Every structure is written in C-alpha cells, then in structure tokens.
Amino acid sequence: STTELHPHFAFFRRSVSGAAWKRGYYTHLWAERKPFFAENLFFVVRMLLLWYNAEKWQGRLHMSIEKVRAYFSQFGMENRILEFPVSSATVELAAQAVGCAPQRIAKTLSFMVAERPILICAAGDAKIDNPKYKAQFSQKAKMLSFDQAAELIGHAVGGVCPFAVNEGVTVYLDESLKRFETVFPACGSSNSAIELTIEELEQYSGYTCWIDVCKLPAAE
C-alpha cells in the first residue's frame, strides 16, 4: 500500500501502476541517491588506483635495490647496504632508520635539464636555491614526476640514488655534502641506505662534477 512507501514516492503509486510505476520509483530513487553513489564510486576508484600504483612502485623498488646490490657487488661492497624494517623514503624517516642527523642523509633529487634527466645528490637539510640553480643550468628547476623518475632514472621515488642509474643520466654532487666525513644515500628502495665517505661517493656515483645549487638553513 501507499502508506508503506516514502512520501516522495506515494504519488507514483496513486497515478500509475505496474512497470511504469517501478520505472518512476527507481528514477526518483536514483536522482535522490546519485550524489551518494557518485561520491563513493570516486572513492573506490581512487583507492584502486592507489593500490595499483603502490604495487607497481613496490615492484620497481625491489628491482632497483637488486640492481644497486649487483652494482656494488662488483666492488665487494654489497654487504655494506643497509636494509631496514621501516621506511626510509624521506630524509626524516631515513635519519631515524639509520640513527644519524638528518643532514647526513644524502638525498638524490631528479630534474629535467634540456630534455635530459639529471640527478643532484645533496645534504638532507639542503634545499634547491633557485637563483643558483638557474645560474648553473640556465633554466628554472623542473623536477621529474614519480613516473618520470622511475622511467628515466631507473629508480622509483623513495629510493632514488646515484647508483646503477639508466644510461644518459648525469649525476652531480652538491657542495652541501662536503661538511661531512660520511653520508647515507639510498640504494634503490624505500627502506635502504649505504654509508659512504665523500671520496667513495665520488667514486661510485659516477658524478660529473661538484656544483653549488643549494641553500642551507640559517644558523640558529
């Protein structure tokens, strides 16, 4: 009976019957619930995309650390790679995992210069200084996206390092690193690092030259 229906739909029952009433009922229901379904469908799709990308990046990170391990095995150094049970994907997380000051984490930043990928390895507390960068490379800093980094550099974001990179990638070391005897760059995954002296970093990174494109925090 009509008394069992929501008031919004009672008039359908009084005016039409059978299939026509059902079509009207569900059309009205969809119009009322459409925002709810659309919002939740967007959420489900977004979660599926995040899961897919996470799985894809995790696979890339696993392959990357194996490439770096194979690279260092040429020099009998593969056992010096540190792997952590926690993430080291950011400077702060890496410092906690290693147990060192954040500035001793040698973060590796990826950029596009003249349509070619480059890497700049800098101290954990250093930030790109735009005027210095432009003076060095004659253009504004343009960082690679997540997908570009994985494709062009050979390491996914979170594990980017100057070791075992793709052919054609130019590596630079920033002057901010020279303050330390040893530093900790990543090794291709988001839970790895290796402690290297500055001389070892020069040797194994295949760097082109030292540059000065960063600024340090103001002294307190």
Protein backbone atom coordinates (compact mmCIF):
# COMPACT_ATOMS: atom_id res chain seq x y z
CA SER A 1 0.00 0.00 0.00
CA THR A 2 0.98 3.61 -0.39
CA THR A 3 1.31 4.02 3.39
CA GLU A 4 4.38 1.75 3.29
CA LEU A 5 6.18 4.00 0.80
CA HIS A 6 8.28 7.06 1.39
CA PRO A 7 6.09 10.16 0.87
CA HIS A 8 8.26 11.18 -2.08
CA PHE A 9 7.10 8.07 -3.96
CA ALA A 10 3.49 7.68 -2.81
CA PHE A 11 2.15 9.81 -5.65
CA PHE A 12 3.64 7.36 -8.19
CA ARG A 13 1.51 4.53 -6.82
CA ARG A 14 -1.66 6.58 -6.96
CA SER A 15 -1.14 7.76 -10.53
CA VAL A 16 0.46 4.83 -12.35
CA SER A 17 0.84 1.11 -11.87
CA GLY A 18 2.94 -1.89 -12.88
CA ALA A 19 6.17 -1.38 -14.85
CA ALA A 20 5.54 2.33 -15.30
CA TRP A 21 5.33 2.83 -11.53
CA LYS A 22 8.56 0.88 -10.99
CA ARG A 23 10.40 2.95 -13.59
CA GLY A 24 9.25 6.14 -11.92
CA TYR A 25 10.15 4.86 -8.46
CA TYR A 26 13.70 3.88 -9.40
CA THR A 27 14.26 7.00 -11.47
CA HIS A 28 13.32 9.12 -8.49
CA LEU A 29 15.43 6.97 -6.16
CA TRP A 30 18.48 7.33 -8.44
CA ALA A 31 18.04 11.10 -8.64
CA GLU A 32 17.97 11.28 -4.84
CA ARG A 33 20.88 8.89 -4.27
CA LYS A 34 23.07 9.82 -7.24
CA PRO A 35 25.43 12.13 -5.26
CA PHE A 36 25.97 9.35 -2.70
CA PHE A 37 26.78 6.72 -5.33
CA ALA A 38 28.99 9.11 -7.31
CA GLU A 39 30.98 10.10 -4.24
CA ASN A 40 31.55 6.52 -3.16
CA LEU A 41 32.36 5.34 -6.67
CA PHE A 42 35.03 8.06 -6.88
CA PHE A 43 36.46 6.88 -3.54
CA VAL A 44 36.57 3.23 -4.67
CA VAL A 45 38.24 4.11 -7.98
CA ARG A 46 40.78 6.28 -6.20
CA MET A 47 41.63 3.50 -3.74
CA LEU A 48 42.04 1.01 -6.61
CA LEU A 49 44.40 3.40 -8.41
CA LEU A 50 46.44 3.95 -5.25
CA TRP A 51 46.68 0.20 -4.71
CA TYR A 52 47.71 -0.39 -8.32
CA ASN A 53 50.38 2.32 -8.20
CA ALA A 54 51.65 1.09 -4.83
CA GLU A 55 52.04 -2.43 -6.21
CA LYS A 56 53.74 -1.09 -9.33
CA TRP A 57 56.17 1.11 -7.39
CA GLN A 58 56.89 -1.66 -4.89
CA GLY A 59 57.87 -3.93 -7.77
CA ARG A 60 60.09 -1.24 -9.24
CA LEU A 61 61.73 -0.58 -5.87
CA HIS A 62 62.51 -4.29 -5.44
CA MET A 63 64.12 -4.45 -8.87
CA SER A 64 66.02 -1.22 -8.18
CA ILE A 65 67.68 -2.39 -4.98
CA GLU A 66 68.71 -5.61 -6.72
CA LYS A 67 70.33 -3.53 -9.47
CA VAL A 68 72.19 -1.47 -6.86
CA ARG A 69 73.21 -4.61 -4.99
CA ALA A 70 74.59 -6.10 -8.21
CA TYR A 71 76.40 -2.84 -8.92
CA PHE A 72 78.15 -2.77 -5.53
CA SER A 73 78.93 -6.48 -5.71
CA GLN A 74 81.45 -5.62 -8.45
CA PHE A 75 83.47 -3.89 -5.74
CA GLY A 76 82.78 -6.36 -2.93
CA MET A 77 80.59 -3.79 -1.17
CA GLU A 78 77.13 -5.35 -1.40
CA ASN A 79 77.23 -6.34 2.29
CA ARG A 80 77.53 -2.69 3.27
CA ILE A 81 73.99 -1.99 2.04
CA LEU A 82 71.67 -1.39 4.97
CA GLU A 83 68.06 -2.58 4.74
CA PHE A 84 65.51 -1.50 7.33
CA PRO A 85 62.22 -2.96 8.58
CA VAL A 86 60.79 0.57 8.34
CA SER A 87 60.54 3.16 5.59
CA SER A 88 63.47 5.42 4.76
CA ALA A 89 61.68 7.17 1.89
CA THR A 90 62.12 10.69 3.30
CA VAL A 91 65.07 12.44 4.91
CA GLU A 92 63.43 12.34 8.33
CA LEU A 93 62.50 8.66 8.08
CA ALA A 94 65.93 7.73 6.74
CA ALA A 95 67.65 9.58 9.60
CA GLN A 96 65.51 7.70 12.12
CA ALA A 97 66.18 4.35 10.44
CA VAL A 98 69.94 4.94 10.20
CA GLY A 99 70.27 6.70 13.56
CA CYS A 100 72.04 9.81 12.29
CA ALA A 101 71.39 13.53 11.93
CA PRO A 102 69.04 14.33 9.01
CA GLN A 103 71.65 16.47 7.28
CA ARG A 104 73.87 13.41 6.80
CA ILE A 105 71.25 11.75 4.62
CA ALA A 106 72.40 12.24 1.03
CA LYS A 107 69.12 12.83 -0.76
CA THR A 108 69.10 12.48 -4.53
CA LEU A 109 66.89 14.91 -6.45
CA SER A 110 65.89 14.33 -10.06
CA PHE A 111 65.40 17.09 -12.63
CA MET A 112 64.95 17.61 -16.35
CA VAL A 113 67.56 19.85 -17.98
CA ALA A 114 67.49 20.49 -21.72
CA GLU A 115 65.18 17.48 -22.15
CA ARG A 116 67.62 15.18 -20.36
CA PRO A 117 67.37 13.76 -16.82
CA ILE A 118 69.91 14.72 -14.19
CA LEU A 119 70.45 13.84 -10.54
CA ILE A 120 71.69 16.15 -7.82
CA CYS A 121 72.88 14.49 -4.63
CA ALA A 122 72.67 16.95 -1.71
CA ALA A 123 72.70 17.04 2.08
CA GLY A 124 69.45 16.22 3.84
CA ASP A 125 68.99 19.74 5.19
CA ALA A 126 69.78 21.48 1.90
CA LYS A 127 67.15 22.96 -0.40
CA ILE A 128 67.44 23.96 -4.03
CA ASP A 129 68.34 27.64 -4.36
CA ASN A 130 66.51 28.78 -7.49
CA PRO A 131 68.91 31.62 -8.47
CA LYS A 132 71.92 29.31 -8.04
CA TYR A 133 70.20 26.55 -9.99
CA LYS A 134 69.33 28.88 -12.85
CA ALA A 135 72.88 30.23 -12.92
CA GLN A 136 74.21 26.67 -13.17
CA PHE A 137 71.79 25.24 -15.71
CA SER A 138 70.37 28.33 -17.46
CA GLN A 139 66.79 27.35 -16.66
CA LYS A 140 64.37 27.03 -13.77
CA ALA A 141 64.34 23.86 -11.71
CA LYS A 142 61.92 21.29 -13.11
CA MET A 143 61.69 18.13 -11.03
CA LEU A 144 60.70 14.80 -12.54
CA SER A 145 57.31 13.31 -11.71
CA PHE A 146 57.01 9.93 -9.94
CA ASP A 147 56.53 8.09 -13.23
CA GLN A 148 59.28 10.04 -15.00
CA ALA A 149 61.77 9.26 -12.25
CA ALA A 150 61.11 5.54 -12.46
CA GLU A 151 61.20 5.54 -16.25
CA LEU A 152 64.12 7.89 -16.91
CA ILE A 153 66.33 7.36 -13.86
CA GLY A 154 65.66 3.68 -13.25
CA HIS A 155 64.67 4.10 -9.60
CA ALA A 156 61.26 4.94 -8.18
CA VAL A 157 60.70 7.93 -5.89
CA GLY A 158 61.55 6.95 -2.34
CA GLY A 159 64.63 5.03 -3.43
CA VAL A 160 66.26 7.33 -6.00
CA CYS A 161 70.04 7.19 -5.73
CA PRO A 162 73.05 7.88 -7.99
CA PHE A 163 73.99 4.19 -8.33
CA ALA A 164 73.08 1.85 -11.19
CA VAL A 165 71.06 4.51 -12.99
CA ASN A 166 69.94 4.42 -16.60
CA GLU A 167 72.32 5.33 -19.37
CA GLY A 168 72.31 9.03 -20.18
CA VAL A 169 71.59 10.23 -16.63
CA THR A 170 74.06 12.87 -15.47
CA VAL A 171 74.95 12.90 -11.77
CA TYR A 172 76.05 15.99 -9.84
CA LEU A 173 77.16 16.29 -6.21
CA ASP A 174 76.22 19.42 -4.29
CA GLU A 175 78.73 21.26 -2.13
CA SER A 176 76.43 20.88 0.89
CA LEU A 177 77.71 17.30 1.30
CA LYS A 178 81.32 18.32 1.88
CA ARG A 179 80.59 19.20 5.52
CA PHE A 180 80.59 15.50 6.48
CA GLU A 181 83.09 12.67 6.54
CA THR A 182 80.43 10.09 5.67
CA VAL A 183 76.88 10.34 4.31
CA PHE A 184 73.98 7.95 3.71
CA PRO A 185 72.45 7.82 0.21
CA ALA A 186 69.62 5.43 -0.62
CA CYS A 187 70.19 2.19 -2.51
CA GLY A 188 67.23 1.98 -4.86
CA SER A 189 64.45 1.10 -2.41
CA SER A 190 62.42 2.99 0.17
CA ASN A 191 64.00 1.09 3.07
CA SER A 192 67.71 1.07 2.29
CA ALA A 193 70.91 3.11 2.57
CA ILE A 194 74.66 2.78 2.48
CA GLU A 195 77.27 4.71 4.45
CA LEU A 196 79.95 6.16 2.19
CA THR A 197 82.81 8.56 2.64
CA ILE A 198 82.75 11.58 0.36
CA GLU A 199 85.58 10.02 -1.65
CA GLU A 200 83.59 6.80 -2.03
CA LEU A 201 80.51 8.76 -3.07
CA GLU A 202 82.56 10.43 -5.78
CA GLN A 203 83.92 7.08 -6.94
CA TYR A 204 80.72 5.05 -7.04
CA SER A 205 78.20 7.68 -8.09
CA GLY A 206 79.93 8.30 -11.42
CA TYR A 207 79.43 12.02 -10.81
CA THR A 208 80.25 14.63 -13.41
CA CYS A 209 81.31 17.44 -11.08
CA TRP A 210 80.61 19.26 -7.85
CA ILE A 211 78.09 22.08 -8.07
CA ASP A 212 76.67 24.68 -5.68
CA VAL A 213 72.91 24.93 -6.25
CA CYS A 214 71.54 24.54 -2.72
CA LYS A 215 70.98 26.68 0.33
CA LEU A 216 71.30 25.60 3.92
CA PRO A 217 69.09 26.51 6.88
CA ALA A 218 70.07 29.75 8.60
CA ALA A 219 72.23 29.15 11.65
CA GLU A 220 70.27 29.45 14.87
